[in-house]
Structure formats: C-alpha cells, structure tokens
Amino acid sequence: MIEKSNIKKVKLLILLISVITIFDIFTIITNIYVAQDLEGYGFPDILIYLKTAIFIFVLTILVLWAVNKNYNISKTNLKIIMYLAFITIIGYFFSLFMYKYVLLLYTADIIKNKILYGNPALIYNFSTKNYKTLSYILQIFSGFNSEIILFIEALFLQNAIIKLDTFSIKSEKEHTYDPFMFDKKLLWLFGFLVTLSFLSINIFQFSYNLREAFEMAIALGGFVIAIPGLVTAISLNSIENHTCTKTRFVSSHRLLIIISIITSILFILLSIFLLQDLHNGLGTYRLYSSLGSVLVSIIIIFRVYRTMSLENK
C-alpha cells in the first residue's frame, strides 16, 4: 500500500495527467468544430475518445487516493493502470502516423490517376477533395494531437512511471492465503476474454460511418480494458507460496471485478448493436465473439466475488 506521505509526488502526477487530459479534450473539440470534414471516421478519431476516457479514469483514481484517507492502492496496481495510459499514447501515436500516411497515399493516387491522367472535367472536384484531406493533415500537425505533443506526453509519463519506484510503501503484514483463494482459472479466463474482445474489433475497414465508429469504439475499449485484467491475473498467479499483503490481495481482486463489470457492460451494448445489424441482414462473426466476451466477463465476476467473500484477513 502506498503511504500518504507521497502526497506531493502524487499531486505532481495528477498535474501531469490533468494536462494530458486537457490536451485530449481540446483535440476532441478541434475534431468536432475545427477540422475539415472527411468521408467517414478514421481510427484516430475513435481512439482519441478511448485515450481521453482512460486518462480520466487514471486521474480519478489518483484524486480519490489524494482526498480520501481510507482509499488505498498498491504500487503494483498503480503501475498497471499507468502503463495502460502509456500504451494508449503509443497506440494513438502509431494510429495517427499510419492514418496520415494512408491519406497521403490516397491523395497522391488521386492526383496521379484521376487528375493528371483522368477526366479534366473532374479536376475541380478532386482538387477540392484533396484540399480538404491535406488541410486535415495540416491541422493534425499543428494541433494538440500532433506527434511532437504525443512524444512529449510519452516522455513525461514514462518518467513518472519510473519514479513510482521511489514511492514509499507502508509496511504491512504478509498473510498466507489458502491455495484455493488464488483462482488459477482467472488467468485463462482473462486470456480468453482478451482474445474474444480482440476478435470483436472491426479491423478490416479504413474508415467508418457513425454507427460503425461507435461499435468500433466499444469493442476497442473492451479490448484495452481487458488487458490490465490479464496483467493483474498474471501478477496474482505469480505470487509464491500464496503469501502477500491484504492490500495487494484485496485491491487486485477489486480491480478484476471493476474491469469485468466494465467489459460486460460494453460487450452487452455491442451485442445489442450487432444483433440489430443481424436483423438488417448484416451478420458478422463479431456477434459471437462479443456474446462470448459477455459470458466470460460474467463468469469472472462470479468467481472473483466468491473469492472476495471468503477473504477474512
């Protein structure tokens, strides 16, 4: 358990996460009101909402710890959610780079095959389209989500994660739990959940309409949120001799329950949309992976809750 004497370090961390969150909110506002309108929604347009939600989640955890004396969190779990935020920055950076690269290739193809060697009567229409695309790319370069801003965010966040090792930890008594309190099946269940949630992502499209973008955001959110659950399950599975502090045991299982509840809600919502698509003749394998994710999440909730009800240290 992290000691409350680390309050100054946590406040600096809160400041960093707050600045990144504000930049993300400005990016969303810019995308809605300032950026050029392109046909459909690109992957970065979806991922920025997920990135913002994750940083708001991390910020909430830190603020709760700072203001609530009874709220505790282990250093291991704090590292997990911090690395989740860091990986989100890297994923958004990569998606933004690839999206701009594809847009530039698409624009170059239009200039070569439809303007230089195409119908001269359509030059104005294609030039207008290219102008919108290039203006969108320029807006990204000069906006809050430019690669240089993301690079700086990643540097500061990585430095903050490294400094977590300097946080003092409250000395706690280690307890030896019975072997059945460490459910070995949680590791396989979370591995299965991560696999199913990944299969629920529509990765075979370059751009999406509004409904497809919403479905993509839900599936991607479920996948990203399930990953810390797998990491936490691996951490619990690696505890030797079933000996650990009560804080680590309880906080880890609480995190697993929270993650499972969120994933079950997300994939229930996604399944509803995919069932509507099936009714309209647009069936997809993602419906089965989504329903499987709901089932696995519910099983995890049941098993973790049963374990927590037996904890008496």
C-alpha atoms as a PDB file:
ATOM      1  CA  MET A   1       0.000   0.000   0.000  1.00  0.00           C
ATOM      2  CA  ILE A   2       1.347   3.424  -0.958  1.00  0.00           C
ATOM      3  CA  GLU A   3       1.886   5.699   2.042  1.00  0.00           C
ATOM      4  CA  LYS A   4       0.068   9.020   2.265  1.00  0.00           C
ATOM      5  CA  SER A   5       3.457  10.698   2.740  1.00  0.00           C
ATOM      6  CA  ASN A   6       3.812  10.503  -1.053  1.00  0.00           C
ATOM      7  CA  ILE A   7       1.114  13.152  -1.458  1.00  0.00           C
ATOM      8  CA  LYS A   8       3.457  15.713  -3.102  1.00  0.00           C
ATOM      9  CA  LYS A   9       4.618  13.195  -5.707  1.00  0.00           C
ATOM     10  CA  VAL A  10       1.033  12.148  -6.388  1.00  0.00           C
ATOM     11  CA  LYS A  11      -0.021  15.786  -6.827  1.00  0.00           C
ATOM     12  CA  LEU A  12       2.685  16.244  -9.475  1.00  0.00           C
ATOM     13  CA  LEU A  13       1.390  13.088 -11.150  1.00  0.00           C
ATOM     14  CA  ILE A  14      -2.157  14.448 -11.004  1.00  0.00           C
ATOM     15  CA  LEU A  15      -0.939  17.667 -12.642  1.00  0.00           C
ATOM     16  CA  LEU A  16       0.707  15.730 -15.476  1.00  0.00           C
ATOM     17  CA  ILE A  17      -2.349  13.537 -16.095  1.00  0.00           C
ATOM     18  CA  SER A  18      -4.597  16.628 -15.949  1.00  0.00           C
ATOM     19  CA  VAL A  19      -2.548  18.448 -18.611  1.00  0.00           C
ATOM     20  CA  ILE A  20      -2.652  15.422 -20.925  1.00  0.00           C
ATOM     21  CA  THR A  21      -6.408  15.073 -20.363  1.00  0.00           C
ATOM     22  CA  ILE A  22      -6.971  18.761 -21.165  1.00  0.00           C
ATOM     23  CA  PHE A  23      -4.970  18.363 -24.388  1.00  0.00           C
ATOM     24  CA  ASP A  24      -7.151  15.367 -25.308  1.00  0.00           C
ATOM     25  CA  ILE A  25     -10.336  17.342 -24.657  1.00  0.00           C
ATOM     26  CA  PHE A  26      -9.030  20.187 -26.828  1.00  0.00           C
ATOM     27  CA  THR A  27      -8.275  17.625 -29.549  1.00  0.00           C
ATOM     28  CA  ILE A  28     -11.855  16.322 -29.426  1.00  0.00           C
ATOM     29  CA  ILE A  29     -13.236  19.871 -29.594  1.00  0.00           C
ATOM     30  CA  THR A  30     -10.935  20.629 -32.535  1.00  0.00           C
ATOM     31  CA  ASN A  31     -12.009  17.469 -34.362  1.00  0.00           C
ATOM     32  CA  ILE A  32     -15.664  18.405 -33.946  1.00  0.00           C
ATOM     33  CA  TYR A  33     -15.625  22.129 -34.691  1.00  0.00           C
ATOM     34  CA  VAL A  34     -12.387  22.976 -36.491  1.00  0.00           C
ATOM     35  CA  ALA A  35     -11.031  20.065 -38.519  1.00  0.00           C
ATOM     36  CA  GLN A  36     -12.022  19.563 -42.145  1.00  0.00           C
ATOM     37  CA  ASP A  37     -14.853  17.082 -42.608  1.00  0.00           C
ATOM     38  CA  LEU A  38     -13.682  13.879 -44.285  1.00  0.00           C
ATOM     39  CA  GLU A  39     -15.769  10.983 -45.511  1.00  0.00           C
ATOM     40  CA  GLY A  40     -16.371   8.750 -42.510  1.00  0.00           C
ATOM     41  CA  TYR A  41     -14.364   8.445 -39.286  1.00  0.00           C
ATOM     42  CA  GLY A  42     -10.760   7.308 -39.118  1.00  0.00           C
ATOM     43  CA  PHE A  43      -9.213   5.094 -36.457  1.00  0.00           C
ATOM     44  CA  PRO A  44      -7.524   8.036 -34.628  1.00  0.00           C
ATOM     45  CA  ASP A  45     -10.901   9.820 -34.454  1.00  0.00           C
ATOM     46  CA  ILE A  46     -12.174   6.854 -32.466  1.00  0.00           C
ATOM     47  CA  LEU A  47      -9.052   6.196 -30.422  1.00  0.00           C
ATOM     48  CA  ILE A  48      -8.853   9.756 -29.044  1.00  0.00           C
ATOM     49  CA  TYR A  49     -12.105   9.186 -27.107  1.00  0.00           C
ATOM     50  CA  LEU A  50     -10.715   5.973 -25.621  1.00  0.00           C
ATOM     51  CA  LYS A  51      -7.438   7.692 -24.731  1.00  0.00           C
ATOM     52  CA  THR A  52      -9.336  10.514 -23.007  1.00  0.00           C
ATOM     53  CA  ALA A  53     -11.536   8.071 -21.076  1.00  0.00           C
ATOM     54  CA  ILE A  54      -8.524   6.101 -19.820  1.00  0.00           C
ATOM     55  CA  PHE A  55      -6.708   9.220 -18.632  1.00  0.00           C
ATOM     56  CA  ILE A  56      -9.853  10.442 -16.878  1.00  0.00           C
ATOM     57  CA  PHE A  57     -10.037   7.035 -15.180  1.00  0.00           C
ATOM     58  CA  VAL A  58      -6.389   7.260 -14.040  1.00  0.00           C
ATOM     59  CA  LEU A  59      -6.941  10.837 -12.870  1.00  0.00           C
ATOM     60  CA  THR A  60      -9.994   9.755 -10.860  1.00  0.00           C
ATOM     61  CA  ILE A  61      -8.009   7.002  -9.124  1.00  0.00           C
ATOM     62  CA  LEU A  62      -5.227   9.426  -8.179  1.00  0.00           C
ATOM     63  CA  VAL A  63      -7.608  12.126  -6.943  1.00  0.00           C
ATOM     64  CA  LEU A  64      -9.542   9.599  -4.848  1.00  0.00           C
ATOM     65  CA  TRP A  65      -6.294   8.454  -3.244  1.00  0.00           C
ATOM     66  CA  ALA A  66      -5.258  12.067  -2.541  1.00  0.00           C
ATOM     67  CA  VAL A  67      -8.515  13.236  -0.959  1.00  0.00           C
ATOM     68  CA  ASN A  68      -9.779  10.069   0.713  1.00  0.00           C
ATOM     69  CA  LYS A  69      -7.719   8.840   3.648  1.00  0.00           C
ATOM     70  CA  ASN A  70      -9.451   5.464   3.578  1.00  0.00           C
ATOM     71  CA  TYR A  71      -8.777   4.832  -0.111  1.00  0.00           C
ATOM     72  CA  ASN A  72      -5.690   2.654  -0.653  1.00  0.00           C
ATOM     73  CA  ILE A  73      -3.967   1.307  -3.732  1.00  0.00           C
ATOM     74  CA  SER A  74      -0.928  -0.907  -4.148  1.00  0.00           C
ATOM     75  CA  LYS A  75       2.085   0.196  -6.144  1.00  0.00           C
ATOM     76  CA  THR A  76       1.666  -2.790  -8.466  1.00  0.00           C
ATOM     77  CA  ASN A  77      -1.896  -1.862  -9.413  1.00  0.00           C
ATOM     78  CA  LEU A  78      -0.973   1.808  -9.856  1.00  0.00           C
ATOM     79  CA  LYS A  79       1.808   0.773 -12.236  1.00  0.00           C
ATOM     80  CA  ILE A  80      -0.616  -1.352 -14.233  1.00  0.00           C
ATOM     81  CA  ILE A  81      -3.062   1.491 -14.874  1.00  0.00           C
ATOM     82  CA  MET A  82      -0.201   3.922 -15.553  1.00  0.00           C
ATOM     83  CA  TYR A  83       1.271   1.578 -18.151  1.00  0.00           C
ATOM     84  CA  LEU A  84      -2.203   1.255 -19.654  1.00  0.00           C
ATOM     85  CA  ALA A  85      -2.247   5.030 -20.128  1.00  0.00           C
ATOM     86  CA  PHE A  86       1.272   4.943 -21.573  1.00  0.00           C
ATOM     87  CA  ILE A  87       0.414   2.195 -24.077  1.00  0.00           C
ATOM     88  CA  THR A  88      -2.651   4.185 -25.111  1.00  0.00           C
ATOM     89  CA  ILE A  89      -0.414   7.130 -26.040  1.00  0.00           C
ATOM     90  CA  ILE A  90       1.832   4.828 -28.087  1.00  0.00           C
ATOM     91  CA  GLY A  91      -1.163   3.240 -29.810  1.00  0.00           C
ATOM     92  CA  TYR A  92      -2.668   6.622 -30.627  1.00  0.00           C
ATOM     93  CA  PHE A  93       0.698   7.882 -31.920  1.00  0.00           C
ATOM     94  CA  PHE A  94       1.042   4.875 -34.230  1.00  0.00           C
ATOM     95  CA  SER A  95      -2.567   5.067 -35.466  1.00  0.00           C
ATOM     96  CA  LEU A  96      -2.219   8.778 -36.202  1.00  0.00           C
ATOM     97  CA  PHE A  97       1.009   8.249 -38.122  1.00  0.00           C
ATOM     98  CA  MET A  98      -0.448   5.407 -40.214  1.00  0.00           C
ATOM     99  CA  TYR A  99      -3.702   7.275 -40.835  1.00  0.00           C
ATOM    100  CA  LYS A 100      -1.875  10.321 -42.186  1.00  0.00           C
ATOM    101  CA  TYR A 101       0.352   8.089 -44.305  1.00  0.00           C
ATOM    102  CA  VAL A 102      -2.654   6.354 -45.855  1.00  0.00           C
ATOM    103  CA  LEU A 103      -4.369   9.702 -46.510  1.00  0.00           C
ATOM    104  CA  LEU A 104      -1.255  10.992 -48.267  1.00  0.00           C
ATOM    105  CA  LEU A 105      -1.076   7.844 -50.416  1.00  0.00           C
ATOM    106  CA  TYR A 106      -4.755   8.211 -51.236  1.00  0.00           C
ATOM    107  CA  THR A 107      -4.271  11.871 -52.206  1.00  0.00           C
ATOM    108  CA  ALA A 108      -1.214  11.052 -54.337  1.00  0.00           C
ATOM    109  CA  ASP A 109      -3.205   8.351 -56.142  1.00  0.00           C
ATOM    110  CA  ILE A 110      -5.994  10.832 -56.901  1.00  0.00           C
ATOM    111  CA  ILE A 111      -3.528  13.395 -58.265  1.00  0.00           C
ATOM    112  CA  LYS A 112      -1.808  10.822 -60.484  1.00  0.00           C
ATOM    113  CA  ASN A 113      -4.665   8.671 -61.765  1.00  0.00           C
ATOM    114  CA  LYS A 114      -7.700  10.964 -61.596  1.00  0.00           C
ATOM    115  CA  ILE A 115      -6.270  14.444 -62.217  1.00  0.00           C
ATOM    116  CA  LEU A 116      -3.138  14.048 -64.361  1.00  0.00           C
ATOM    117  CA  TYR A 117      -4.370  11.023 -66.306  1.00  0.00           C
ATOM    118  CA  GLY A 118      -8.096  11.310 -65.640  1.00  0.00           C
ATOM    119  CA  ASN A 119     -11.036  13.297 -66.888  1.00  0.00           C
ATOM    120  CA  PRO A 120     -10.110  17.026 -66.997  1.00  0.00           C
ATOM    121  CA  ALA A 121     -13.727  17.927 -66.255  1.00  0.00           C
ATOM    122  CA  LEU A 122     -13.392  16.416 -62.771  1.00  0.00           C
ATOM    123  CA  ILE A 123     -10.191  18.241 -61.802  1.00  0.00           C
ATOM    124  CA  TYR A 124     -12.060  20.826 -59.715  1.00  0.00           C
ATOM    125  CA  ASN A 125     -13.995  18.184 -57.752  1.00  0.00           C
ATOM    126  CA  PHE A 126     -10.924  16.084 -57.000  1.00  0.00           C
ATOM    127  CA  SER A 127      -8.833  19.166 -56.159  1.00  0.00           C
ATOM    128  CA  THR A 128     -11.466  20.237 -53.628  1.00  0.00           C
ATOM    129  CA  LYS A 129     -11.398  16.788 -52.077  1.00  0.00           C
ATOM    130  CA  ASN A 130      -7.601  16.776 -51.916  1.00  0.00           C
ATOM    131  CA  TYR A 131      -7.580  20.227 -50.338  1.00  0.00           C
ATOM    132  CA  LYS A 132      -9.855  19.023 -47.540  1.00  0.00           C
ATOM    133  CA  THR A 133      -7.655  15.975 -46.940  1.00  0.00           C
ATOM    134  CA  LEU A 134      -4.416  17.961 -46.874  1.00  0.00           C
ATOM    135  CA  SER A 135      -5.986  20.625 -44.641  1.00  0.00           C
ATOM    136  CA  TYR A 136      -6.981  17.870 -42.217  1.00  0.00           C
ATOM    137  CA  ILE A 137      -3.400  16.565 -42.159  1.00  0.00           C
ATOM    138  CA  LEU A 138      -2.001  20.064 -41.595  1.00  0.00           C
ATOM    139  CA  GLN A 139      -4.464  20.580 -38.763  1.00  0.00           C
ATOM    140  CA  ILE A 140      -3.134  17.423 -37.096  1.00  0.00           C
ATOM    141  CA  PHE A 141       0.467  18.590 -37.465  1.00  0.00           C
ATOM    142  CA  SER A 142      -0.328  21.891 -35.763  1.00  0.00           C
ATOM    143  CA  GLY A 143      -2.898  20.628 -33.251  1.00  0.00           C
ATOM    144  CA  PHE A 144      -2.867  19.283 -29.709  1.00  0.00           C
ATOM    145  CA  ASN A 145      -2.573  15.715 -31.041  1.00  0.00           C
ATOM    146  CA  SER A 146       0.492  16.250 -33.205  1.00  0.00           C
ATOM    147  CA  GLU A 147       3.214  13.624 -32.973  1.00  0.00           C
ATOM    148  CA  ILE A 148       5.576  16.010 -31.178  1.00  0.00           C
ATOM    149  CA  ILE A 149       2.982  16.645 -28.450  1.00  0.00           C
ATOM    150  CA  LEU A 150       2.340  12.915 -28.097  1.00  0.00           C
ATOM    151  CA  PHE A 151       6.087  12.278 -27.961  1.00  0.00           C
ATOM    152  CA  ILE A 152       6.489  14.771 -25.117  1.00  0.00           C
ATOM    153  CA  GLU A 153       3.492  13.278 -23.290  1.00  0.00           C
ATOM    154  CA  ALA A 154       5.042   9.804 -23.564  1.00  0.00           C
ATOM    155  CA  LEU A 155       8.407  11.040 -22.265  1.00  0.00           C
ATOM    156  CA  PHE A 156       6.927  12.710 -19.188  1.00  0.00           C
ATOM    157  CA  LEU A 157       4.591   9.807 -18.479  1.00  0.00           C
ATOM    158  CA  GLN A 158       7.390   7.259 -18.805  1.00  0.00           C
ATOM    159  CA  ASN A 159       9.488   9.323 -16.397  1.00  0.00           C
ATOM    160  CA  ALA A 160       6.542   9.394 -13.962  1.00  0.00           C
ATOM    161  CA  ILE A 161       6.189   5.606 -14.183  1.00  0.00           C
ATOM    162  CA  ILE A 162       9.896   5.131 -13.446  1.00  0.00           C
ATOM    163  CA  LYS A 163       9.594   7.427 -10.413  1.00  0.00           C
ATOM    164  CA  LEU A 164       6.820   5.234  -8.995  1.00  0.00           C
ATOM    165  CA  ASP A 165       9.638   3.025  -7.690  1.00  0.00           C
ATOM    166  CA  THR A 166      10.650   5.874  -5.362  1.00  0.00           C
ATOM    167  CA  PHE A 167       7.232   5.911  -3.672  1.00  0.00           C
ATOM    168  CA  SER A 168       7.448   4.751  -0.075  1.00  0.00           C
ATOM    169  CA  ILE A 169       5.245   1.827   0.838  1.00  0.00           C
ATOM    170  CA  LYS A 170       3.517   1.302   4.149  1.00  0.00           C
ATOM    171  CA  SER A 171       4.862  -1.719   5.933  1.00  0.00           C
ATOM    172  CA  GLU A 172       2.165  -4.377   6.091  1.00  0.00           C
ATOM    173  CA  LYS A 173       1.962  -7.831   7.465  1.00  0.00           C
ATOM    174  CA  GLU A 174       2.030 -10.545   4.863  1.00  0.00           C
ATOM    175  CA  HIS A 175      -0.624 -13.190   5.109  1.00  0.00           C
ATOM    176  CA  THR A 176      -0.580 -16.737   3.830  1.00  0.00           C
ATOM    177  CA  TYR A 177      -3.794 -17.445   1.979  1.00  0.00           C
ATOM    178  CA  ASP A 178      -5.175 -20.861   1.231  1.00  0.00           C
ATOM    179  CA  PRO A 179      -4.338 -22.069  -2.307  1.00  0.00           C
ATOM    180  CA  PHE A 180      -7.995 -22.022  -3.374  1.00  0.00           C
ATOM    181  CA  MET A 181      -8.072 -18.238  -2.745  1.00  0.00           C
ATOM    182  CA  PHE A 182      -5.829 -17.846  -5.812  1.00  0.00           C
ATOM    183  CA  ASP A 183      -8.112 -18.926  -8.610  1.00  0.00           C
ATOM    184  CA  LYS A 184      -5.841 -20.328 -11.333  1.00  0.00           C
ATOM    185  CA  LYS A 185      -8.665 -20.256 -13.848  1.00  0.00           C
ATOM    186  CA  LEU A 186      -8.792 -16.438 -13.750  1.00  0.00           C
ATOM    187  CA  LEU A 187      -5.596 -16.297 -15.796  1.00  0.00           C
ATOM    188  CA  TRP A 188      -7.077 -18.453 -18.563  1.00  0.00           C
ATOM    189  CA  LEU A 189     -10.429 -16.689 -18.397  1.00  0.00           C
ATOM    190  CA  PHE A 190      -8.823 -13.272 -18.847  1.00  0.00           C
ATOM    191  CA  GLY A 191      -6.645 -14.621 -21.636  1.00  0.00           C
ATOM    192  CA  PHE A 192      -9.802 -15.892 -23.326  1.00  0.00           C
ATOM    193  CA  LEU A 193     -11.539 -12.555 -22.701  1.00  0.00           C
ATOM    194  CA  VAL A 194      -8.671 -10.599 -24.301  1.00  0.00           C
ATOM    195  CA  THR A 195      -8.765 -12.916 -27.340  1.00  0.00           C
ATOM    196  CA  LEU A 196     -12.544 -12.657 -27.770  1.00  0.00           C
ATOM    197  CA  SER A 197     -12.540  -8.894 -27.270  1.00  0.00           C
ATOM    198  CA  PHE A 198      -9.843  -8.524 -29.934  1.00  0.00           C
ATOM    199  CA  LEU A 199     -11.946 -10.573 -32.357  1.00  0.00           C
ATOM    200  CA  SER A 200     -14.825  -8.169 -31.696  1.00  0.00           C
ATOM    201  CA  ILE A 201     -12.843  -5.293 -33.225  1.00  0.00           C
ATOM    202  CA  ASN A 202     -13.613  -4.446 -36.837  1.00  0.00           C
ATOM    203  CA  ILE A 203     -10.055  -4.139 -38.149  1.00  0.00           C
ATOM    204  CA  PHE A 204     -10.846  -4.739 -41.816  1.00  0.00           C
ATOM    205  CA  GLN A 205     -12.019  -1.202 -42.589  1.00  0.00           C
ATOM    206  CA  PHE A 206     -10.143   2.019 -43.218  1.00  0.00           C
ATOM    207  CA  SER A 207     -12.972   4.410 -42.394  1.00  0.00           C
ATOM    208  CA  TYR A 208     -16.283   4.056 -40.584  1.00  0.00           C
ATOM    209  CA  ASN A 209     -19.683   5.660 -40.592  1.00  0.00           C
ATOM    210  CA  LEU A 210     -21.135   6.954 -37.326  1.00  0.00           C
ATOM    211  CA  ARG A 211     -22.668   3.648 -36.244  1.00  0.00           C
ATOM    212  CA  GLU A 212     -19.591   1.628 -37.217  1.00  0.00           C
ATOM    213  CA  ALA A 213     -17.367   4.112 -35.398  1.00  0.00           C
ATOM    214  CA  PHE A 214     -19.474   3.727 -32.246  1.00  0.00           C
ATOM    215  CA  GLU A 215     -19.270  -0.067 -32.459  1.00  0.00           C
ATOM    216  CA  MET A 216     -15.531   0.145 -33.049  1.00  0.00           C
ATOM    217  CA  ALA A 217     -15.065   2.403 -30.017  1.00  0.00           C
ATOM    218  CA  ILE A 218     -16.974  -0.023 -27.770  1.00  0.00           C
ATOM    219  CA  ALA A 219     -15.054  -3.098 -28.979  1.00  0.00           C
ATOM    220  CA  LEU A 220     -11.702  -1.352 -28.780  1.00  0.00           C
ATOM    221  CA  GLY A 221     -12.495  -0.048 -25.303  1.00  0.00           C
ATOM    222  CA  GLY A 222     -13.402  -3.535 -24.106  1.00  0.00           C
ATOM    223  CA  PHE A 223     -10.178  -4.970 -25.518  1.00  0.00           C
ATOM    224  CA  VAL A 224      -7.930  -2.288 -23.997  1.00  0.00           C
ATOM    225  CA  ILE A 225      -9.627  -2.500 -20.586  1.00  0.00           C
ATOM    226  CA  ALA A 226      -9.359  -6.305 -20.534  1.00  0.00           C
ATOM    227  CA  ILE A 227      -5.562  -6.200 -20.911  1.00  0.00           C
ATOM    228  CA  PRO A 228      -4.875  -4.817 -17.366  1.00  0.00           C
ATOM    229  CA  GLY A 229      -7.117  -7.585 -16.070  1.00  0.00           C
ATOM    230  CA  LEU A 230      -4.896 -10.173 -17.749  1.00  0.00           C
ATOM    231  CA  VAL A 231      -1.774  -8.494 -16.338  1.00  0.00           C
ATOM    232  CA  THR A 232      -3.305  -8.437 -12.842  1.00  0.00           C
ATOM    233  CA  ALA A 233      -4.294 -12.102 -13.121  1.00  0.00           C
ATOM    234  CA  ILE A 234      -0.723 -12.956 -14.158  1.00  0.00           C
ATOM    235  CA  SER A 235       0.581 -10.961 -11.175  1.00  0.00           C
ATOM    236  CA  LEU A 236      -1.671 -12.857  -8.762  1.00  0.00           C
ATOM    237  CA  ASN A 237      -0.754 -16.170 -10.355  1.00  0.00           C
ATOM    238  CA  SER A 238       2.964 -15.446  -9.862  1.00  0.00           C
ATOM    239  CA  ILE A 239       2.720 -14.943  -6.069  1.00  0.00           C
ATOM    240  CA  GLU A 240       4.856 -17.587  -4.443  1.00  0.00           C
ATOM    241  CA  ASN A 241       3.640 -19.687  -1.532  1.00  0.00           C
ATOM    242  CA  HIS A 242       0.300 -17.778  -1.686  1.00  0.00           C
ATOM    243  CA  THR A 243       1.777 -15.112   0.610  1.00  0.00           C
ATOM    244  CA  CYS A 244       1.033 -11.403   0.117  1.00  0.00           C
ATOM    245  CA  THR A 245      -0.326  -8.369   1.921  1.00  0.00           C
ATOM    246  CA  LYS A 246      -4.043  -7.890   2.359  1.00  0.00           C
ATOM    247  CA  THR A 247      -3.916  -4.623   0.397  1.00  0.00           C
ATOM    248  CA  ARG A 248      -2.430  -6.307  -2.654  1.00  0.00           C
ATOM    249  CA  PHE A 249      -4.835  -9.220  -2.466  1.00  0.00           C
ATOM    250  CA  VAL A 250      -7.963  -7.107  -1.992  1.00  0.00           C
ATOM    251  CA  SER A 251      -7.053  -4.263  -4.384  1.00  0.00           C
ATOM    252  CA  SER A 252      -6.078  -6.714  -7.141  1.00  0.00           C
ATOM    253  CA  HIS A 253      -9.375  -8.590  -6.895  1.00  0.00           C
ATOM    254  CA  ARG A 254     -11.337  -5.338  -6.724  1.00  0.00           C
ATOM    255  CA  LEU A 255      -9.599  -4.219  -9.916  1.00  0.00           C
ATOM    256  CA  LEU A 256     -10.548  -7.513 -11.582  1.00  0.00           C
ATOM    257  CA  ILE A 257     -14.195  -7.021 -10.604  1.00  0.00           C
ATOM    258  CA  ILE A 258     -14.249  -3.425 -11.877  1.00  0.00           C
ATOM    259  CA  ILE A 259     -12.667  -4.460 -15.179  1.00  0.00           C
ATOM    260  CA  SER A 260     -15.081  -7.377 -15.610  1.00  0.00           C
ATOM    261  CA  ILE A 261     -18.113  -5.200 -14.883  1.00  0.00           C
ATOM    262  CA  ILE A 262     -16.974  -2.608 -17.428  1.00  0.00           C
ATOM    263  CA  THR A 263     -16.253  -5.209 -20.119  1.00  0.00           C
ATOM    264  CA  SER A 264     -19.588  -6.951 -19.559  1.00  0.00           C
ATOM    265  CA  ILE A 265     -21.467  -3.648 -19.929  1.00  0.00           C
ATOM    266  CA  LEU A 266     -19.508  -2.678 -23.045  1.00  0.00           C
ATOM    267  CA  PHE A 267     -19.959  -6.018 -24.789  1.00  0.00           C
ATOM    268  CA  ILE A 268     -23.637  -6.246 -23.881  1.00  0.00           C
ATOM    269  CA  LEU A 269     -24.056  -2.866 -25.564  1.00  0.00           C
ATOM    270  CA  LEU A 270     -22.001  -4.018 -28.570  1.00  0.00           C
ATOM    271  CA  SER A 271     -24.029  -7.231 -28.830  1.00  0.00           C
ATOM    272  CA  ILE A 272     -27.255  -5.202 -28.965  1.00  0.00           C
ATOM    273  CA  PHE A 273     -25.909  -3.189 -31.912  1.00  0.00           C
ATOM    274  CA  LEU A 274     -24.637  -6.308 -33.687  1.00  0.00           C
ATOM    275  CA  LEU A 275     -27.986  -8.053 -33.171  1.00  0.00           C
ATOM    276  CA  GLN A 276     -29.664  -5.074 -34.823  1.00  0.00           C
ATOM    277  CA  ASP A 277     -27.195  -5.381 -37.701  1.00  0.00           C
ATOM    278  CA  LEU A 278     -28.011  -9.092 -37.970  1.00  0.00           C
ATOM    279  CA  HIS A 279     -31.720  -8.246 -38.115  1.00  0.00           C
ATOM    280  CA  ASN A 280     -30.939  -5.903 -41.007  1.00  0.00           C
ATOM    281  CA  GLY A 281     -29.068  -8.639 -42.867  1.00  0.00           C
ATOM    282  CA  LEU A 282     -25.561  -7.528 -41.826  1.00  0.00           C
ATOM    283  CA  GLY A 283     -24.476 -10.514 -39.758  1.00  0.00           C
ATOM    284  CA  THR A 284     -20.854 -10.840 -38.648  1.00  0.00           C
ATOM    285  CA  TYR A 285     -18.677 -13.221 -36.623  1.00  0.00           C
ATOM    286  CA  ARG A 286     -18.088 -10.336 -34.207  1.00  0.00           C
ATOM    287  CA  LEU A 287     -21.528 -11.002 -32.703  1.00  0.00           C
ATOM    288  CA  TYR A 288     -20.374 -14.412 -31.416  1.00  0.00           C
ATOM    289  CA  SER A 289     -17.093 -13.077 -30.031  1.00  0.00           C
ATOM    290  CA  SER A 290     -18.994 -10.232 -28.368  1.00  0.00           C
ATOM    291  CA  LEU A 291     -21.503 -12.571 -26.735  1.00  0.00           C
ATOM    292  CA  GLY A 292     -18.617 -14.803 -25.668  1.00  0.00           C
ATOM    293  CA  SER A 293     -16.940 -11.799 -24.046  1.00  0.00           C
ATOM    294  CA  VAL A 294     -20.117 -11.076 -22.073  1.00  0.00           C
ATOM    295  CA  LEU A 295     -20.295 -14.670 -20.857  1.00  0.00           C
ATOM    296  CA  VAL A 296     -16.623 -14.791 -19.843  1.00  0.00           C
ATOM    297  CA  SER A 297     -16.891 -11.421 -18.052  1.00  0.00           C
ATOM    298  CA  ILE A 298     -19.886 -12.633 -16.024  1.00  0.00           C
ATOM    299  CA  ILE A 299     -18.057 -15.843 -15.094  1.00  0.00           C
ATOM    300  CA  ILE A 300     -15.058 -13.795 -13.928  1.00  0.00           C
ATOM    301  CA  ILE A 301     -17.289 -11.522 -11.821  1.00  0.00           C
ATOM    302  CA  PHE A 302     -18.855 -14.563 -10.153  1.00  0.00           C
ATOM    303  CA  ARG A 303     -15.529 -16.270  -9.422  1.00  0.00           C
ATOM    304  CA  VAL A 304     -13.799 -13.113  -8.116  1.00  0.00           C
ATOM    305  CA  TYR A 305     -16.791 -12.165  -5.957  1.00  0.00           C
ATOM    306  CA  ARG A 306     -16.819 -15.665  -4.475  1.00  0.00           C
ATOM    307  CA  THR A 307     -13.127 -15.331  -3.610  1.00  0.00           C
ATOM    308  CA  MET A 308     -13.605 -11.887  -2.076  1.00  0.00           C
ATOM    309  CA  SER A 309     -16.456 -13.141   0.102  1.00  0.00           C
ATOM    310  CA  LEU A 310     -14.061 -15.657   1.679  1.00  0.00           C
ATOM    311  CA  GLU A 311     -11.310 -13.117   2.451  1.00  0.00           C
ATOM    312  CA  ASN A 312     -11.060 -12.657   6.230  1.00  0.00           C
ATOM    313  CA  LYS A 313      -7.525 -11.409   6.965  1.00  0.00           C
END
